[in-house]
Amino acid sequence: METKLPRHKSVYLLPNLLTTASLFLGFLGLTWAIKGDYAACALCILASCVFDGLDGKVARITGTTSEFGVQLDSLADLVAFGVVPATMAYLWILNDFGRLGLMAAFLFMACGALRLARFNVQAATSSKKHFVGLPIPAAACTLATLVLFTEYVPARYMHTVLPICTLVLVYVLSFFMVSTIRFYSFKEISAFKAHPFSWMVTAILVFSLVASRPKVLGFVIFLGYLFSGPIYTLFLLSRRSKRLLRDKSGEELN
Protein backbone atom coordinates (compact mmCIF):
# COMPACT_ATOMS: atom_id res chain seq x y z
CA MET A 1 0.00 0.00 0.00
CA GLU A 2 1.40 3.41 -1.00
CA THR A 3 1.90 5.79 1.91
CA LYS A 4 1.43 9.51 1.41
CA LEU A 5 4.14 11.83 2.52
CA PRO A 6 3.26 14.43 5.14
CA ARG A 7 2.21 17.70 3.57
CA HIS A 8 5.28 19.58 4.67
CA LYS A 9 7.54 16.96 3.08
CA SER A 10 5.61 16.73 -0.17
CA VAL A 11 5.81 20.47 -0.88
CA TYR A 12 9.34 21.27 0.31
CA LEU A 13 10.55 21.42 -3.31
CA LEU A 14 8.08 24.14 -4.30
CA PRO A 15 10.08 27.17 -2.98
CA ASN A 16 13.24 25.84 -4.63
CA LEU A 17 11.37 25.37 -7.91
CA LEU A 18 10.27 29.00 -7.76
CA THR A 19 13.87 30.04 -7.08
CA THR A 20 15.00 27.95 -10.05
CA ALA A 21 12.36 29.67 -12.20
CA SER A 22 13.78 33.02 -11.13
CA LEU A 23 17.25 31.79 -12.06
CA PHE A 24 16.02 30.56 -15.46
CA LEU A 25 14.40 33.91 -16.21
CA GLY A 26 17.68 35.60 -15.33
CA PHE A 27 19.56 33.32 -17.70
CA LEU A 28 16.95 33.93 -20.40
CA GLY A 29 17.32 37.68 -19.89
CA LEU A 30 21.09 37.33 -20.27
CA THR A 31 20.66 35.66 -23.66
CA TRP A 32 18.30 38.45 -24.75
CA ALA A 33 20.83 41.08 -23.66
CA ILE A 34 23.56 39.39 -25.69
CA LYS A 35 21.23 39.38 -28.71
CA GLY A 36 20.56 43.09 -28.22
CA ASP A 37 16.91 42.83 -27.17
CA TYR A 38 17.23 44.88 -24.00
CA ALA A 39 13.49 45.37 -23.52
CA ALA A 40 12.99 41.60 -23.36
CA CYS A 41 15.91 41.34 -20.93
CA ALA A 42 14.32 44.01 -18.72
CA LEU A 43 11.02 42.11 -18.69
CA CYS A 44 12.86 38.94 -17.67
CA ILE A 45 14.45 40.78 -14.74
CA LEU A 46 11.06 42.05 -13.60
CA ALA A 47 9.50 38.60 -13.94
CA SER A 48 12.42 37.10 -12.04
CA CYS A 49 11.76 39.57 -9.24
CA VAL A 50 8.17 38.29 -8.99
CA PHE A 51 9.34 34.69 -8.58
CA ASP A 52 12.01 35.81 -6.12
CA GLY A 53 9.31 37.37 -3.96
CA LEU A 54 7.10 34.31 -4.20
CA ASP A 55 9.65 31.68 -3.17
CA GLY A 56 10.24 33.17 0.27
CA LYS A 57 6.54 33.65 0.97
CA VAL A 58 5.70 30.12 -0.16
CA ALA A 59 8.49 28.72 2.02
CA ARG A 60 7.14 30.55 5.08
CA ILE A 61 3.52 29.62 4.39
CA THR A 62 4.31 25.93 3.87
CA GLY A 63 6.88 25.82 6.66
CA THR A 64 9.61 24.62 4.31
CA THR A 65 12.32 27.20 4.95
CA SER A 66 15.82 25.75 4.99
CA GLU A 67 19.44 26.87 4.92
CA PHE A 68 19.78 25.22 1.52
CA GLY A 69 16.93 27.33 0.17
CA VAL A 70 18.47 30.50 1.58
CA GLN A 71 21.81 29.84 -0.12
CA LEU A 72 20.16 28.84 -3.41
CA ASP A 73 18.08 32.01 -3.33
CA SER A 74 21.19 34.16 -2.84
CA LEU A 75 23.01 32.50 -5.73
CA ALA A 76 19.98 32.93 -7.99
CA ASP A 77 19.69 36.58 -6.94
CA LEU A 78 23.33 37.22 -7.79
CA VAL A 79 22.76 35.94 -11.32
CA ALA A 80 19.30 37.41 -11.98
CA PHE A 81 19.82 40.77 -10.25
CA GLY A 82 23.59 41.18 -10.37
CA VAL A 83 25.13 39.62 -13.47
CA VAL A 84 22.18 40.09 -15.82
CA PRO A 85 21.40 43.82 -15.20
CA ALA A 86 25.13 44.66 -15.15
CA THR A 87 25.62 42.92 -18.51
CA MET A 88 22.45 44.49 -19.89
CA ALA A 89 23.48 48.00 -18.85
CA TYR A 90 26.98 47.59 -20.27
CA LEU A 91 25.92 46.20 -23.64
CA TRP A 92 23.04 48.67 -23.86
CA ILE A 93 24.70 51.98 -23.11
CA LEU A 94 27.68 51.83 -20.72
CA ASN A 95 30.11 50.50 -23.32
CA ASP A 96 30.10 53.99 -24.85
CA PHE A 97 32.17 55.13 -21.86
CA GLY A 98 34.93 52.55 -22.37
CA ARG A 99 36.68 51.45 -19.18
CA LEU A 100 34.56 53.79 -17.05
CA GLY A 101 31.40 52.05 -18.23
CA LEU A 102 32.98 48.62 -17.80
CA MET A 103 33.96 49.41 -14.21
CA ALA A 104 30.47 50.78 -13.53
CA ALA A 105 28.91 47.50 -14.67
CA PHE A 106 31.40 45.46 -12.64
CA LEU A 107 30.89 47.65 -9.58
CA PHE A 108 27.15 47.07 -9.75
CA MET A 109 27.65 43.31 -9.83
CA ALA A 110 30.30 43.35 -7.08
CA CYS A 111 28.25 45.58 -4.78
CA GLY A 112 25.26 43.32 -5.36
CA ALA A 113 27.32 40.32 -4.22
CA LEU A 114 28.49 42.22 -1.13
CA ARG A 115 24.91 43.25 -0.39
CA LEU A 116 23.72 39.64 -0.54
CA ALA A 117 26.59 38.42 1.63
CA ARG A 118 25.90 41.05 4.28
CA PHE A 119 22.19 40.27 4.22
CA ASN A 120 22.85 36.56 4.80
CA VAL A 121 25.15 37.30 7.73
CA GLN A 122 22.84 39.85 9.38
CA ALA A 123 19.48 38.24 8.54
CA ALA A 124 19.05 36.70 12.00
CA THR A 125 19.79 39.91 13.93
CA SER A 126 18.61 42.73 11.66
CA SER A 127 15.25 44.44 11.95
CA LYS A 128 12.42 43.09 9.82
CA LYS A 129 10.99 46.57 9.36
CA HIS A 130 13.73 47.89 7.10
CA PHE A 131 16.64 46.77 4.93
CA VAL A 132 20.19 47.96 5.54
CA GLY A 133 21.25 49.06 2.09
CA LEU A 134 19.25 48.96 -1.11
CA PRO A 135 18.06 45.39 -1.86
CA ILE A 136 19.64 44.00 -5.01
CA PRO A 137 16.26 43.15 -6.64
CA ALA A 138 15.19 46.79 -6.28
CA ALA A 139 18.46 47.97 -7.84
CA ALA A 140 18.07 45.55 -10.75
CA CYS A 141 14.43 46.50 -11.32
CA THR A 142 15.38 50.19 -11.37
CA LEU A 143 17.71 49.54 -14.30
CA ALA A 144 15.15 47.27 -15.97
CA THR A 145 12.38 49.87 -15.75
CA LEU A 146 14.80 52.53 -17.01
CA VAL A 147 15.31 50.49 -20.19
CA LEU A 148 11.54 50.30 -20.68
CA PHE A 149 11.11 53.99 -19.79
CA THR A 150 13.47 55.11 -22.58
CA GLU A 151 10.61 54.62 -25.03
CA TYR A 152 9.32 57.99 -23.78
CA VAL A 153 12.70 59.77 -23.83
CA PRO A 154 12.95 62.32 -26.67
CA ALA A 155 15.31 61.27 -29.45
CA ARG A 156 17.58 64.28 -28.94
CA TYR A 157 18.41 63.07 -25.41
CA MET A 158 19.01 59.40 -26.28
CA HIS A 159 22.68 59.88 -27.15
CA THR A 160 23.51 62.85 -24.93
CA VAL A 161 21.69 63.02 -21.60
CA LEU A 162 20.54 59.40 -21.21
CA PRO A 163 24.03 57.76 -21.26
CA ILE A 164 25.35 60.13 -18.58
CA CYS A 165 22.24 59.70 -16.42
CA THR A 166 22.49 55.92 -16.74
CA LEU A 167 26.17 55.94 -15.76
CA VAL A 168 25.44 58.09 -12.71
CA LEU A 169 22.45 55.94 -11.78
CA VAL A 170 24.52 52.74 -11.90
CA TYR A 171 27.12 54.24 -9.55
CA VAL A 172 24.40 55.52 -7.21
CA LEU A 173 22.68 52.13 -7.12
CA SER A 174 26.01 50.43 -6.41
CA PHE A 175 26.75 52.78 -3.53
CA PHE A 176 23.27 52.47 -2.06
CA MET A 177 23.47 48.66 -2.05
CA VAL A 178 26.55 48.62 0.20
CA SER A 179 25.57 51.67 2.27
CA THR A 180 23.94 51.68 5.69
CA ILE A 181 20.93 53.63 4.42
CA ARG A 182 17.66 52.14 5.64
CA PHE A 183 14.96 51.19 3.16
CA TYR A 184 11.47 50.23 4.27
CA SER A 185 10.94 46.48 3.82
CA PHE A 186 7.09 46.34 3.75
CA LYS A 187 7.31 43.23 5.93
CA GLU A 188 5.49 44.78 8.88
CA ILE A 189 1.83 44.08 8.09
CA SER A 190 0.28 45.41 11.31
CA ALA A 191 -0.97 48.50 9.47
CA PHE A 192 -2.48 46.31 6.75
CA LYS A 193 -4.27 44.20 9.34
CA ALA A 194 -5.58 47.27 11.17
CA HIS A 195 -7.07 48.87 8.03
CA PRO A 196 -7.49 46.07 5.46
CA PHE A 197 -10.21 47.76 3.41
CA SER A 198 -8.31 51.05 3.06
CA TRP A 199 -5.15 49.27 2.01
CA MET A 200 -7.07 47.12 -0.47
CA VAL A 201 -8.57 50.23 -2.09
CA THR A 202 -5.13 51.86 -2.18
CA ALA A 203 -3.60 48.75 -3.78
CA ILE A 204 -6.33 48.71 -6.44
CA LEU A 205 -5.76 52.38 -7.25
CA VAL A 206 -2.00 51.94 -7.48
CA PHE A 207 -2.42 48.87 -9.69
CA SER A 208 -4.81 50.78 -11.97
CA LEU A 209 -2.37 53.68 -12.31
CA VAL A 210 0.59 51.43 -13.06
CA ALA A 211 -1.43 49.39 -15.55
CA SER A 212 -2.37 52.56 -17.43
CA ARG A 213 1.28 53.59 -18.02
CA PRO A 214 3.46 50.69 -16.80
CA LYS A 215 6.69 51.75 -18.51
CA VAL A 216 6.53 55.25 -17.05
CA LEU A 217 5.10 54.62 -13.61
CA GLY A 218 7.17 51.47 -13.07
CA PHE A 219 10.37 53.49 -13.35
CA VAL A 220 8.91 56.33 -11.26
CA ILE A 221 7.96 53.90 -8.46
CA PHE A 222 11.40 52.29 -8.26
CA LEU A 223 13.09 55.68 -8.51
CA GLY A 224 10.85 56.89 -5.70
CA TYR A 225 11.84 53.89 -3.59
CA LEU A 226 15.48 54.74 -4.26
CA PHE A 227 15.01 58.27 -2.91
CA SER A 228 12.85 57.04 -0.03
CA GLY A 229 15.89 55.43 1.62
CA PRO A 230 17.82 58.63 2.40
CA ILE A 231 14.58 60.38 3.42
CA TYR A 232 13.58 57.49 5.68
CA THR A 233 17.07 57.36 7.24
CA LEU A 234 17.70 61.08 7.67
CA PHE A 235 14.31 62.24 8.86
CA LEU A 236 12.25 59.44 10.35
CA LEU A 237 14.98 57.35 11.98
CA SER A 238 16.98 60.38 13.15
CA ARG A 239 13.89 61.87 14.76
CA ARG A 240 13.11 58.55 16.42
CA SER A 241 16.67 58.33 17.77
CA LYS A 242 16.50 61.87 19.13
CA ARG A 243 13.17 61.10 20.78
CA LEU A 244 14.58 57.98 22.41
CA LEU A 245 17.60 59.88 23.69
CA ARG A 246 15.36 62.64 25.03
CA ASP A 247 13.10 60.13 26.79
CA LYS A 248 16.08 58.32 28.24
CA SER A 249 17.56 61.58 29.52
CA GLY A 250 14.22 62.47 31.11
CA GLU A 251 14.05 59.11 32.87
CA GLU A 252 17.57 59.53 34.22
CA LEU A 253 16.73 63.00 35.59
CA ASN A 254 13.62 61.64 37.28
Foldseek 3Di string as FASTA:
>chain_A
DDDDDPQLVVCLCVLVVLLVQLLVLLVVLQVCLVVPNLLSSLVSLVVSVVSLVVSVVVCVVSVNDDPVSLVSNLVSCLRSLQVNLLSNLCSPFLCVVPPLSNVLSVLSSVLQNVLSVVCVVCVVPDDPFWGFFDHSSLLSNLSSLVVLLCVPPDPVCPNPPVNVVSSVSSVLNSCRSNHRFIAGNPPDCPVCVVCVVVVVVVVVVVVVVCVVPVSVVSNVVSVVSSVVRVVCRPPVVVVVVVVVVVVVVVVVVD
